[in-house]
Amino acid sequence: MTVHELKTSPEYFGPVADGVKTFEIRKDNRGYQVGDLLLFKEYENGAFTGNAVIKEVTYLTADYQQRDYVTLAIKEPDFDVLDSTFGYNKAACLNMGYEPIWVLEEAADEDLEESISAVDAADVL
């Protein structure tokens, strides 16, 4: 599994983050595979805004696309996918601006919410 960081304009970032846009069309220059994670980073006026969201590739096809392009079906990744990828015990989804923003934190099930009382910029993907 690979994590691909992708620049995304606000007009597409919002719908992806909200779960309304469940596909992505990209140039097939990264070797995308089912199971890969896409880290969408909002990009506006020549700079990253700080908003980011992670999605998992569930299906891909090059059918009916321009040459060298692929359509990726995407969904919110399960906690175990984030755990195995980033090496944390738990992952939480917080409502801070666009949804979801994933915060990775080592915690037990019962204290997960209590352990994430303040979010540091280094914790937000």
N, C-alpha and C. Protein backbone atom coordinates (compact mmCIF):
# COMPACT_ATOMS: atom_id res chain seq x y z
N MET A 1 0.84 -1.18 0.00
CA MET A 1 0.00 0.00 0.00
C MET A 1 0.89 1.24 0.00
N THR A 2 0.50 2.19 -0.82
CA THR A 2 1.24 3.44 -0.96
C THR A 2 0.33 4.60 -0.56
N VAL A 3 0.91 5.63 0.02
CA VAL A 3 0.18 6.86 0.31
C VAL A 3 0.60 7.89 -0.73
N HIS A 4 -0.36 8.38 -1.51
CA HIS A 4 -0.10 9.38 -2.54
C HIS A 4 -0.60 10.74 -2.05
N GLU A 5 0.29 11.73 -2.00
CA GLU A 5 -0.11 13.09 -1.63
C GLU A 5 -0.54 13.82 -2.89
N LEU A 6 -1.76 14.36 -2.88
CA LEU A 6 -2.32 14.99 -4.07
C LEU A 6 -2.76 16.43 -3.79
N LYS A 7 -2.27 17.36 -4.60
CA LYS A 7 -2.75 18.75 -4.55
C LYS A 7 -4.19 18.74 -5.07
N THR A 8 -5.07 19.46 -4.38
CA THR A 8 -6.47 19.49 -4.78
C THR A 8 -7.03 20.89 -4.59
N SER A 9 -7.67 21.40 -5.63
CA SER A 9 -8.25 22.74 -5.53
C SER A 9 -9.50 22.70 -4.65
N PRO A 10 -9.85 23.84 -4.03
CA PRO A 10 -10.99 23.89 -3.11
C PRO A 10 -12.30 23.40 -3.72
N GLU A 11 -12.51 23.65 -5.01
CA GLU A 11 -13.77 23.22 -5.64
C GLU A 11 -13.94 21.71 -5.63
N TYR A 12 -12.84 20.96 -5.59
CA TYR A 12 -12.90 19.49 -5.53
C TYR A 12 -12.65 18.98 -4.12
N PHE A 13 -11.85 19.72 -3.35
CA PHE A 13 -11.51 19.26 -2.01
C PHE A 13 -12.75 19.12 -1.12
N GLY A 14 -13.58 20.15 -1.10
CA GLY A 14 -14.78 20.12 -0.25
C GLY A 14 -15.66 18.90 -0.51
N PRO A 15 -16.05 18.63 -1.76
CA PRO A 15 -16.88 17.46 -2.04
C PRO A 15 -16.19 16.13 -1.70
N VAL A 16 -14.86 16.05 -1.90
CA VAL A 16 -14.14 14.82 -1.53
C VAL A 16 -14.19 14.66 -0.01
N ALA A 17 -13.86 15.73 0.71
CA ALA A 17 -13.85 15.68 2.18
C ALA A 17 -15.22 15.36 2.75
N ASP A 18 -16.27 15.89 2.12
CA ASP A 18 -17.64 15.66 2.60
C ASP A 18 -18.17 14.27 2.22
N GLY A 19 -17.45 13.55 1.37
CA GLY A 19 -17.88 12.23 0.95
C GLY A 19 -18.89 12.24 -0.19
N VAL A 20 -19.12 13.41 -0.77
CA VAL A 20 -20.06 13.54 -1.89
C VAL A 20 -19.41 13.07 -3.19
N LYS A 21 -18.15 13.43 -3.37
CA LYS A 21 -17.38 13.01 -4.55
C LYS A 21 -16.65 11.72 -4.18
N THR A 22 -17.08 10.61 -4.75
CA THR A 22 -16.55 9.30 -4.37
C THR A 22 -15.66 8.70 -5.46
N PHE A 23 -15.14 9.56 -6.31
CA PHE A 23 -14.22 9.12 -7.36
C PHE A 23 -13.21 10.23 -7.61
N GLU A 24 -12.12 9.86 -8.24
CA GLU A 24 -11.09 10.83 -8.60
C GLU A 24 -10.52 10.41 -9.94
N ILE A 25 -10.36 11.36 -10.85
CA ILE A 25 -9.73 11.10 -12.14
C ILE A 25 -8.37 11.77 -12.12
N ARG A 26 -7.34 10.97 -12.32
CA ARG A 26 -5.96 11.47 -12.25
C ARG A 26 -5.12 10.88 -13.38
N LYS A 27 -4.06 11.58 -13.71
CA LYS A 27 -3.08 11.04 -14.64
C LYS A 27 -2.48 9.79 -13.99
N ASP A 28 -2.37 8.73 -14.75
CA ASP A 28 -1.88 7.46 -14.20
C ASP A 28 -0.35 7.42 -14.26
N ASN A 29 0.27 8.30 -13.48
CA ASN A 29 1.73 8.38 -13.46
C ASN A 29 2.34 7.99 -12.12
N ARG A 30 1.50 7.41 -11.24
CA ARG A 30 1.98 7.04 -9.90
C ARG A 30 1.82 5.56 -9.59
N GLY A 31 1.29 4.80 -10.52
CA GLY A 31 1.10 3.38 -10.28
C GLY A 31 0.04 3.10 -9.24
N TYR A 32 -1.06 3.82 -9.29
CA TYR A 32 -2.14 3.63 -8.33
C TYR A 32 -2.59 2.18 -8.29
N GLN A 33 -2.94 1.71 -7.09
CA GLN A 33 -3.44 0.35 -6.89
C GLN A 33 -4.61 0.37 -5.92
N VAL A 34 -5.50 -0.61 -6.03
CA VAL A 34 -6.55 -0.77 -5.03
C VAL A 34 -5.89 -0.97 -3.67
N GLY A 35 -6.39 -0.27 -2.67
CA GLY A 35 -5.82 -0.34 -1.33
C GLY A 35 -4.89 0.81 -1.00
N ASP A 36 -4.43 1.54 -2.02
CA ASP A 36 -3.59 2.72 -1.77
C ASP A 36 -4.41 3.79 -1.05
N LEU A 37 -3.71 4.66 -0.35
CA LEU A 37 -4.35 5.80 0.30
C LEU A 37 -4.01 7.07 -0.45
N LEU A 38 -5.00 7.94 -0.59
CA LEU A 38 -4.81 9.23 -1.23
C LEU A 38 -4.92 10.31 -0.16
N LEU A 39 -3.88 11.08 0.01
CA LEU A 39 -3.89 12.19 0.96
C LEU A 39 -4.15 13.46 0.15
N PHE A 40 -5.41 13.88 0.14
CA PHE A 40 -5.80 15.09 -0.58
C PHE A 40 -5.42 16.29 0.27
N LYS A 41 -4.64 17.21 -0.31
CA LYS A 41 -4.23 18.42 0.39
C LYS A 41 -4.77 19.61 -0.39
N GLU A 42 -5.61 20.40 0.28
CA GLU A 42 -6.22 21.55 -0.38
C GLU A 42 -5.14 22.57 -0.76
N TYR A 43 -5.21 23.04 -2.00
CA TYR A 43 -4.22 23.95 -2.57
C TYR A 43 -4.92 25.11 -3.23
N GLU A 44 -4.61 26.33 -2.79
CA GLU A 44 -5.27 27.51 -3.32
C GLU A 44 -4.30 28.68 -3.37
N ASN A 45 -4.35 29.44 -4.45
CA ASN A 45 -3.50 30.63 -4.62
C ASN A 45 -2.02 30.32 -4.43
N GLY A 46 -1.57 29.18 -4.95
CA GLY A 46 -0.16 28.83 -4.91
C GLY A 46 0.36 28.32 -3.59
N ALA A 47 -0.55 27.96 -2.67
CA ALA A 47 -0.11 27.47 -1.36
C ALA A 47 -1.11 26.45 -0.79
N PHE A 48 -0.62 25.58 0.06
CA PHE A 48 -1.49 24.63 0.76
C PHE A 48 -2.24 25.38 1.86
N THR A 49 -3.52 25.07 2.03
CA THR A 49 -4.34 25.75 3.03
C THR A 49 -4.20 25.14 4.41
N GLY A 50 -3.71 23.91 4.50
CA GLY A 50 -3.65 23.19 5.77
C GLY A 50 -4.76 22.18 5.91
N ASN A 51 -5.77 22.24 5.05
CA ASN A 51 -6.84 21.24 5.07
C ASN A 51 -6.39 20.00 4.31
N ALA A 52 -6.66 18.84 4.89
CA ALA A 52 -6.27 17.58 4.26
C ALA A 52 -7.27 16.50 4.65
N VAL A 53 -7.38 15.50 3.80
CA VAL A 53 -8.26 14.37 4.06
C VAL A 53 -7.67 13.13 3.41
N ILE A 54 -7.86 11.99 4.04
CA ILE A 54 -7.36 10.72 3.52
C ILE A 54 -8.53 9.90 2.99
N LYS A 55 -8.33 9.31 1.82
CA LYS A 55 -9.31 8.38 1.23
C LYS A 55 -8.58 7.14 0.76
N GLU A 56 -9.30 6.04 0.69
CA GLU A 56 -8.74 4.77 0.25
C GLU A 56 -9.26 4.43 -1.14
N VAL A 57 -8.39 3.93 -2.01
CA VAL A 57 -8.78 3.50 -3.35
C VAL A 57 -9.41 2.12 -3.26
N THR A 58 -10.68 2.01 -3.72
CA THR A 58 -11.38 0.73 -3.65
C THR A 58 -11.53 0.05 -5.01
N TYR A 59 -11.35 0.83 -6.08
CA TYR A 59 -11.50 0.31 -7.44
C TYR A 59 -10.85 1.29 -8.38
N LEU A 60 -10.31 0.79 -9.49
CA LEU A 60 -9.77 1.70 -10.50
C LEU A 60 -9.99 1.14 -11.88
N THR A 61 -10.11 2.04 -12.83
CA THR A 61 -10.27 1.65 -14.23
C THR A 61 -9.74 2.76 -15.13
N ALA A 62 -9.21 2.34 -16.27
CA ALA A 62 -8.78 3.29 -17.29
C ALA A 62 -9.78 3.33 -18.44
N ASP A 63 -10.83 2.52 -18.35
CA ASP A 63 -11.86 2.49 -19.39
C ASP A 63 -12.53 3.85 -19.51
N TYR A 64 -12.79 4.24 -20.74
CA TYR A 64 -13.52 5.48 -21.06
C TYR A 64 -12.81 6.74 -20.58
N GLN A 65 -11.50 6.67 -20.43
CA GLN A 65 -10.71 7.83 -20.03
C GLN A 65 -9.76 8.23 -21.14
N GLN A 66 -9.27 9.46 -21.07
CA GLN A 66 -8.20 9.87 -21.97
C GLN A 66 -7.01 8.97 -21.74
N ARG A 67 -6.17 8.90 -22.73
CA ARG A 67 -4.96 8.08 -22.61
C ARG A 67 -4.14 8.51 -21.38
N ASP A 68 -3.64 7.54 -20.65
CA ASP A 68 -2.80 7.76 -19.47
C ASP A 68 -3.54 8.35 -18.27
N TYR A 69 -4.87 8.25 -18.25
CA TYR A 69 -5.65 8.69 -17.10
C TYR A 69 -6.40 7.50 -16.51
N VAL A 70 -6.74 7.59 -15.23
CA VAL A 70 -7.43 6.51 -14.53
C VAL A 70 -8.52 7.12 -13.65
N THR A 71 -9.61 6.38 -13.49
CA THR A 71 -10.67 6.75 -12.55
C THR A 71 -10.49 5.90 -11.30
N LEU A 72 -10.45 6.54 -10.15
CA LEU A 72 -10.26 5.86 -8.87
C LEU A 72 -11.54 6.00 -8.05
N ALA A 73 -12.12 4.89 -7.63
CA ALA A 73 -13.22 4.93 -6.67
C ALA A 73 -12.59 5.07 -5.29
N ILE A 74 -13.14 5.98 -4.47
CA ILE A 74 -12.53 6.26 -3.17
C ILE A 74 -13.58 6.21 -2.06
N LYS A 75 -13.09 5.89 -0.86
CA LYS A 75 -13.94 5.88 0.33
C LYS A 75 -13.10 6.26 1.53
N GLU A 76 -13.78 6.54 2.64
CA GLU A 76 -13.08 6.79 3.89
C GLU A 76 -12.43 5.49 4.35
N PRO A 77 -11.15 5.53 4.71
CA PRO A 77 -10.49 4.29 5.15
C PRO A 77 -10.95 3.87 6.54
N ASP A 78 -10.94 2.57 6.78
CA ASP A 78 -11.25 2.04 8.11
C ASP A 78 -10.10 2.35 9.06
N PHE A 79 -10.38 2.35 10.35
CA PHE A 79 -9.35 2.61 11.34
C PHE A 79 -8.19 1.63 11.24
N ASP A 80 -8.47 0.34 10.97
CA ASP A 80 -7.39 -0.64 10.91
C ASP A 80 -6.45 -0.37 9.74
N VAL A 81 -6.95 0.21 8.66
CA VAL A 81 -6.11 0.57 7.53
C VAL A 81 -5.15 1.68 7.94
N LEU A 82 -5.67 2.69 8.63
CA LEU A 82 -4.82 3.79 9.10
C LEU A 82 -3.82 3.29 10.13
N ASP A 83 -4.26 2.41 10.99
CA ASP A 83 -3.38 1.84 12.02
C ASP A 83 -2.21 1.12 11.37
N SER A 84 -2.49 0.25 10.40
CA SER A 84 -1.41 -0.52 9.78
C SER A 84 -0.50 0.37 8.93
N THR A 85 -1.04 1.43 8.36
CA THR A 85 -0.25 2.31 7.51
C THR A 85 0.63 3.25 8.30
N PHE A 86 0.09 3.85 9.35
CA PHE A 86 0.80 4.88 10.09
C PHE A 86 1.38 4.41 11.41
N GLY A 87 1.07 3.18 11.82
CA GLY A 87 1.67 2.62 13.01
C GLY A 87 1.13 3.17 14.32
N TYR A 88 -0.11 3.58 14.34
CA TYR A 88 -0.73 4.08 15.56
C TYR A 88 -1.78 3.09 16.02
N ASN A 89 -2.11 3.14 17.30
CA ASN A 89 -3.12 2.24 17.83
C ASN A 89 -4.52 2.64 17.42
N LYS A 90 -4.78 3.92 17.35
CA LYS A 90 -6.13 4.40 17.05
C LYS A 90 -6.06 5.61 16.14
N ALA A 91 -7.13 5.84 15.43
CA ALA A 91 -7.25 7.04 14.61
C ALA A 91 -8.63 7.61 14.85
N ALA A 92 -8.72 8.91 14.96
CA ALA A 92 -10.01 9.55 15.21
C ALA A 92 -10.31 10.54 14.11
N CYS A 93 -11.56 10.73 13.86
CA CYS A 93 -12.01 11.70 12.86
C CYS A 93 -12.65 12.86 13.60
N LEU A 94 -12.07 14.05 13.45
CA LEU A 94 -12.58 15.22 14.16
C LEU A 94 -13.24 16.19 13.19
N ASN A 95 -14.24 16.90 13.65
CA ASN A 95 -14.88 17.93 12.84
C ASN A 95 -14.17 19.25 13.07
N MET A 96 -13.24 19.57 12.18
CA MET A 96 -12.49 20.82 12.27
C MET A 96 -12.38 21.36 10.85
N GLY A 97 -13.25 22.23 10.48
CA GLY A 97 -13.26 22.71 9.10
C GLY A 97 -13.93 21.66 8.24
N TYR A 98 -13.24 21.22 7.20
CA TYR A 98 -13.79 20.18 6.35
C TYR A 98 -13.78 18.85 7.07
N GLU A 99 -14.68 17.97 6.70
CA GLU A 99 -14.72 16.64 7.30
C GLU A 99 -14.22 15.62 6.30
N PRO A 100 -13.64 14.52 6.67
CA PRO A 100 -13.05 14.31 7.98
C PRO A 100 -11.60 14.77 8.00
N ILE A 101 -11.13 15.15 9.15
CA ILE A 101 -9.71 15.37 9.35
C ILE A 101 -9.25 14.29 10.32
N TRP A 102 -8.30 13.51 9.88
CA TRP A 102 -7.84 12.38 10.69
C TRP A 102 -6.76 12.82 11.65
N VAL A 103 -6.91 12.45 12.88
CA VAL A 103 -5.91 12.72 13.91
C VAL A 103 -5.47 11.37 14.43
N LEU A 104 -4.18 11.12 14.39
CA LEU A 104 -3.66 9.84 14.83
C LEU A 104 -3.10 9.99 16.24
N GLU A 105 -3.52 9.10 17.10
CA GLU A 105 -3.17 9.23 18.51
C GLU A 105 -3.12 7.83 19.12
N GLU A 106 -2.09 7.56 19.94
CA GLU A 106 -2.07 6.30 20.66
C GLU A 106 -3.02 6.40 21.83
N ALA A 107 -3.99 5.48 21.89
CA ALA A 107 -4.98 5.52 22.96
C ALA A 107 -5.75 4.21 22.99
N ALA A 108 -6.29 3.90 24.14
CA ALA A 108 -7.19 2.75 24.27
C ALA A 108 -8.59 3.18 23.86
N ASP A 109 -9.44 2.23 23.52
CA ASP A 109 -10.79 2.56 23.08
C ASP A 109 -11.50 3.48 24.06
N GLU A 110 -11.43 3.16 25.36
CA GLU A 110 -12.20 3.90 26.36
C GLU A 110 -11.69 5.33 26.58
N ASP A 111 -10.41 5.59 26.29
CA ASP A 111 -9.92 6.95 26.54
C ASP A 111 -9.57 7.70 25.27
N LEU A 112 -9.99 7.20 24.12
CA LEU A 112 -9.65 7.85 22.86
C LEU A 112 -10.14 9.29 22.82
N GLU A 113 -11.42 9.51 23.12
CA GLU A 113 -11.97 10.86 23.06
C GLU A 113 -11.30 11.79 24.07
N GLU A 114 -11.06 11.30 25.28
CA GLU A 114 -10.44 12.12 26.31
C GLU A 114 -9.00 12.48 25.96
N SER A 115 -8.31 11.56 25.26
CA SER A 115 -6.89 11.79 24.97
C SER A 115 -6.69 12.84 23.88
N ILE A 116 -7.74 13.13 23.13
CA ILE A 116 -7.60 14.12 22.05
C ILE A 116 -8.39 15.37 22.46
N SER A 117 -7.84 16.10 23.41
CA SER A 117 -8.49 17.31 23.85
C SER A 117 -7.96 18.53 23.12
N ALA A 118 -6.72 18.47 22.72
CA ALA A 118 -6.11 19.57 21.95
C ALA A 118 -5.40 18.95 20.77
N VAL A 119 -5.49 19.60 19.64
CA VAL A 119 -4.89 19.07 18.42
C VAL A 119 -3.71 19.93 18.04
N ASP A 120 -2.57 19.30 17.92
CA ASP A 120 -1.35 19.97 17.49
C ASP A 120 -1.24 19.83 15.98
N ALA A 121 -0.69 20.82 15.30
CA ALA A 121 -0.57 20.78 13.84
C ALA A 121 0.20 19.55 13.37
N ALA A 122 1.12 19.05 14.16
CA ALA A 122 1.90 17.87 13.78
C ALA A 122 1.04 16.61 13.78
N ASP A 123 -0.08 16.61 14.50
CA ASP A 123 -0.94 15.45 14.57
C ASP A 123 -1.93 15.36 13.43
N VAL A 124 -2.16 16.47 12.75
CA VAL A 124 -3.16 16.50 11.69
C VAL A 124 -2.49 16.18 10.36
N LEU A 125 -3.05 15.22 9.65
CA LEU A 125 -2.49 14.84 8.35
C LEU A 125 -2.92 15.83 7.30
